[in-house]
Amino acid sequence: MENKHVKQEVLLEEIERTREILIHTALKEGLVSENTVKVSQVLDMMLNELEEIY
């Protein structure tokens, strides 16, 4: 049970970092740039993983 909580906390930190990268990339390169889309897809996967933990 504790391991699940630790994994959740780590994932939440990674999600926040990735969200910041996404915002920065989108502002710098635009919403439809290849890099923005890739970061968005990674963020989606992490959010899906977080949903599975809950």
N, C-alpha and C. Protein backbone atom coordinates (compact mmCIF):
# COMPACT_ATOMS: atom_id res chain seq x y z
N MET A 1 0.83 -1.20 0.00
CA MET A 1 0.00 0.00 0.00
C MET A 1 0.87 1.26 0.00
N GLU A 2 1.91 1.25 0.82
CA GLU A 2 2.81 2.41 0.89
C GLU A 2 3.53 2.62 -0.44
N ASN A 3 3.91 1.53 -1.10
CA ASN A 3 4.60 1.61 -2.38
C ASN A 3 3.71 2.31 -3.41
N LYS A 4 2.42 2.04 -3.38
CA LYS A 4 1.47 2.67 -4.29
C LYS A 4 1.45 4.18 -4.06
N HIS A 5 1.49 4.58 -2.80
CA HIS A 5 1.47 6.01 -2.47
C HIS A 5 2.75 6.70 -2.95
N VAL A 6 3.88 6.04 -2.78
CA VAL A 6 5.16 6.60 -3.22
C VAL A 6 5.16 6.75 -4.74
N LYS A 7 4.69 5.71 -5.44
CA LYS A 7 4.63 5.76 -6.90
C LYS A 7 3.73 6.91 -7.35
N GLN A 8 2.62 7.08 -6.66
CA GLN A 8 1.68 8.15 -6.99
C GLN A 8 2.34 9.52 -6.82
N GLU A 9 3.06 9.71 -5.73
CA GLU A 9 3.72 10.99 -5.49
C GLU A 9 4.78 11.29 -6.55
N VAL A 10 5.57 10.28 -6.89
CA VAL A 10 6.60 10.46 -7.93
C VAL A 10 5.94 10.80 -9.26
N LEU A 11 4.88 10.09 -9.59
CA LEU A 11 4.17 10.33 -10.85
C LEU A 11 3.58 11.74 -10.88
N LEU A 12 3.02 12.19 -9.78
CA LEU A 12 2.46 13.54 -9.73
C LEU A 12 3.55 14.59 -9.96
N GLU A 13 4.74 14.37 -9.41
CA GLU A 13 5.86 15.30 -9.63
C GLU A 13 6.28 15.29 -11.10
N GLU A 14 6.34 14.10 -11.69
CA GLU A 14 6.71 14.00 -13.11
C GLU A 14 5.67 14.67 -13.99
N ILE A 15 4.40 14.50 -13.64
CA ILE A 15 3.32 15.13 -14.40
C ILE A 15 3.46 16.64 -14.35
N GLU A 16 3.74 17.18 -13.19
CA GLU A 16 3.87 18.63 -13.06
C GLU A 16 5.05 19.15 -13.88
N ARG A 17 6.19 18.45 -13.83
CA ARG A 17 7.35 18.85 -14.63
C ARG A 17 7.03 18.79 -16.12
N THR A 18 6.36 17.73 -16.54
CA THR A 18 6.02 17.57 -17.95
C THR A 18 5.02 18.64 -18.39
N ARG A 19 4.10 18.99 -17.52
CA ARG A 19 3.13 20.04 -17.83
C ARG A 19 3.86 21.38 -18.05
N GLU A 20 4.86 21.65 -17.22
CA GLU A 20 5.63 22.88 -17.38
C GLU A 20 6.40 22.87 -18.71
N ILE A 21 6.97 21.72 -19.05
CA ILE A 21 7.67 21.59 -20.33
C ILE A 21 6.70 21.80 -21.48
N LEU A 22 5.51 21.23 -21.37
CA LEU A 22 4.50 21.38 -22.41
C LEU A 22 4.14 22.85 -22.62
N ILE A 23 3.90 23.56 -21.55
CA ILE A 23 3.55 24.98 -21.65
C ILE A 23 4.68 25.76 -22.31
N HIS A 24 5.90 25.52 -21.86
CA HIS A 24 7.07 26.22 -22.41
C HIS A 24 7.23 25.91 -23.90
N THR A 25 7.11 24.64 -24.25
CA THR A 25 7.27 24.23 -25.65
C THR A 25 6.18 24.84 -26.52
N ALA A 26 4.95 24.81 -26.03
CA ALA A 26 3.83 25.36 -26.81
C ALA A 26 4.00 26.86 -27.03
N LEU A 27 4.44 27.57 -26.00
CA LEU A 27 4.64 29.01 -26.14
C LEU A 27 5.79 29.33 -27.10
N LYS A 28 6.83 28.51 -27.07
CA LYS A 28 8.01 28.75 -27.90
C LYS A 28 7.80 28.30 -29.35
N GLU A 29 7.17 27.13 -29.54
CA GLU A 29 7.10 26.52 -30.87
C GLU A 29 5.70 26.51 -31.48
N GLY A 30 4.70 26.77 -30.66
CA GLY A 30 3.32 26.72 -31.15
C GLY A 30 2.62 25.44 -30.73
N LEU A 31 1.29 25.50 -30.76
CA LEU A 31 0.49 24.38 -30.25
C LEU A 31 0.56 23.14 -31.14
N VAL A 32 0.83 23.31 -32.42
CA VAL A 32 0.82 22.16 -33.33
C VAL A 32 2.22 21.71 -33.75
N SER A 33 3.26 22.21 -33.07
CA SER A 33 4.60 21.77 -33.42
C SER A 33 4.78 20.30 -33.03
N GLU A 34 5.68 19.63 -33.71
CA GLU A 34 5.93 18.21 -33.45
C GLU A 34 6.35 17.99 -31.99
N ASN A 35 7.21 18.85 -31.48
CA ASN A 35 7.67 18.71 -30.09
C ASN A 35 6.53 18.89 -29.09
N THR A 36 5.67 19.87 -29.33
CA THR A 36 4.54 20.11 -28.43
C THR A 36 3.62 18.90 -28.42
N VAL A 37 3.35 18.35 -29.58
CA VAL A 37 2.47 17.17 -29.67
C VAL A 37 3.10 15.98 -28.95
N LYS A 38 4.40 15.77 -29.11
CA LYS A 38 5.08 14.66 -28.45
C LYS A 38 5.01 14.80 -26.93
N VAL A 39 5.28 16.00 -26.42
CA VAL A 39 5.22 16.21 -24.97
C VAL A 39 3.79 16.01 -24.47
N SER A 40 2.83 16.47 -25.24
CA SER A 40 1.43 16.29 -24.88
C SER A 40 1.06 14.81 -24.80
N GLN A 41 1.57 14.02 -25.72
CA GLN A 41 1.29 12.58 -25.72
C GLN A 41 1.91 11.91 -24.50
N VAL A 42 3.12 12.32 -24.14
CA VAL A 42 3.77 11.78 -22.94
C VAL A 42 2.94 12.13 -21.70
N LEU A 43 2.49 13.37 -21.63
CA LEU A 43 1.67 13.81 -20.50
C LEU A 43 0.38 13.00 -20.44
N ASP A 44 -0.25 12.76 -21.57
CA ASP A 44 -1.47 11.94 -21.61
C ASP A 44 -1.21 10.55 -21.05
N MET A 45 -0.10 9.93 -21.44
CA MET A 45 0.22 8.60 -20.95
C MET A 45 0.41 8.61 -19.43
N MET A 46 1.09 9.64 -18.93
CA MET A 46 1.29 9.72 -17.47
C MET A 46 -0.03 9.93 -16.74
N LEU A 47 -0.91 10.74 -17.29
CA LEU A 47 -2.21 10.96 -16.67
C LEU A 47 -3.04 9.67 -16.68
N ASN A 48 -2.95 8.90 -17.76
CA ASN A 48 -3.64 7.62 -17.82
C ASN A 48 -3.09 6.65 -16.77
N GLU A 49 -1.77 6.65 -16.62
CA GLU A 49 -1.15 5.81 -15.61
C GLU A 49 -1.60 6.20 -14.20
N LEU A 50 -1.69 7.50 -13.97
CA LEU A 50 -2.14 7.99 -12.66
C LEU A 50 -3.58 7.55 -12.41
N GLU A 51 -4.40 7.61 -13.43
CA GLU A 51 -5.81 7.20 -13.29
C GLU A 51 -5.91 5.71 -12.93
N GLU A 52 -5.00 4.88 -13.47
CA GLU A 52 -5.01 3.46 -13.16
C GLU A 52 -4.63 3.20 -11.70
N ILE A 53 -3.77 4.06 -11.14
CA ILE A 53 -3.36 3.90 -9.74
C ILE A 53 -4.52 4.17 -8.81
N TYR A 54 -5.32 5.18 -9.14
CA TYR A 54 -6.47 5.52 -8.29
C TYR A 54 -7.49 4.46 -8.40
